[in-house]
């Protein structure tokens, strides 16, 4: 019966290390933050659309007002 308790205690220690060490490494990482990162990507299509929009003679926000 004492072997069972020794095996269970060793299993708890190894399981704690198996789950706890990676969790500690993730939470310790400075890139882990509750604030989302700025993921704005400028693609060639977006660049062309912005360049074309510069040639439209409308005041800023006029298209957004017309769409709503």
Protein backbone atom coordinates (compact mmCIF):
# COMPACT_ATOMS: atom_id res chain seq x y z
CA UNK A 1 0.00 0.00 0.00
CA UNK A 2 2.88 2.40 0.67
CA UNK A 3 4.10 1.90 -2.93
CA UNK A 4 0.80 3.20 -4.20
CA UNK A 5 1.08 6.43 -2.17
CA UNK A 6 4.66 6.93 -3.28
CA UNK A 7 3.69 6.40 -6.93
CA UNK A 8 0.76 8.79 -6.62
CA UNK A 9 2.91 11.49 -5.03
CA UNK A 10 5.53 11.11 -7.76
CA UNK A 11 2.79 11.26 -10.38
CA UNK A 12 1.49 14.52 -8.90
CA UNK A 13 5.00 16.02 -8.92
CA UNK A 14 5.68 15.00 -12.52
CA UNK A 15 2.25 16.12 -13.71
CA UNK A 16 2.72 19.48 -12.00
CA UNK A 17 6.10 19.91 -13.68
CA UNK A 18 4.71 18.73 -17.03
CA UNK A 19 1.90 21.31 -16.93
CA UNK A 20 3.48 24.04 -14.82
CA UNK A 21 6.84 24.61 -16.50
CA UNK A 22 5.43 25.35 -19.99
CA UNK A 23 2.71 27.52 -18.44
CA UNK A 24 5.34 29.47 -16.50
CA UNK A 25 7.43 29.96 -19.65
CA UNK A 26 4.43 31.27 -21.58
CA UNK A 27 3.30 33.65 -18.86
CA UNK A 28 6.85 34.89 -18.24
CA UNK A 29 7.29 35.81 -21.92
CA UNK A 30 7.21 39.63 -22.29
CA UNK A 31 5.27 39.38 -25.57
CA UNK A 32 2.32 37.86 -23.68
CA UNK A 33 -0.09 40.70 -23.01
CA UNK A 34 -3.77 41.19 -22.39
CA UNK A 35 -3.69 44.04 -24.93
CA UNK A 36 -4.06 42.92 -28.55
CA UNK A 37 -1.20 43.75 -30.87
CA UNK A 38 -1.59 46.19 -33.72
CA UNK A 39 -1.97 43.86 -36.69
CA UNK A 40 -2.60 46.39 -39.46
CA UNK A 41 -1.08 45.04 -42.67
CA UNK A 42 -0.56 47.20 -45.72
CA UNK A 43 -1.05 45.03 -48.78
CA UNK A 44 -0.50 46.08 -52.40
CA UNK A 45 -4.27 46.13 -52.94
CA UNK A 46 -4.75 48.45 -49.96
CA UNK A 47 -1.95 50.72 -51.21
CA UNK A 48 -3.61 50.96 -54.65
CA UNK A 49 -6.99 51.69 -53.08
CA UNK A 50 -5.52 54.42 -50.86
CA UNK A 51 -3.69 55.94 -53.82
CA UNK A 52 -6.90 55.94 -55.87
CA UNK A 53 -8.83 57.48 -52.98
CA UNK A 54 -6.43 60.42 -52.90
CA UNK A 55 -7.65 61.45 -56.37
CA UNK A 56 -11.31 61.59 -55.38
CA UNK A 57 -12.40 65.19 -54.75
CA UNK A 58 -14.60 64.57 -51.75
CA UNK A 59 -14.07 65.82 -48.21
CA UNK A 60 -12.77 63.23 -45.73
CA UNK A 61 -15.57 61.10 -44.30
CA UNK A 62 -18.07 61.93 -47.06
CA UNK A 63 -18.18 58.35 -48.30
CA UNK A 64 -18.75 57.02 -44.80
CA UNK A 65 -21.65 59.44 -44.29
CA UNK A 66 -23.18 58.46 -47.64
CA UNK A 67 -22.93 54.76 -46.84
CA UNK A 68 -24.76 55.09 -43.53
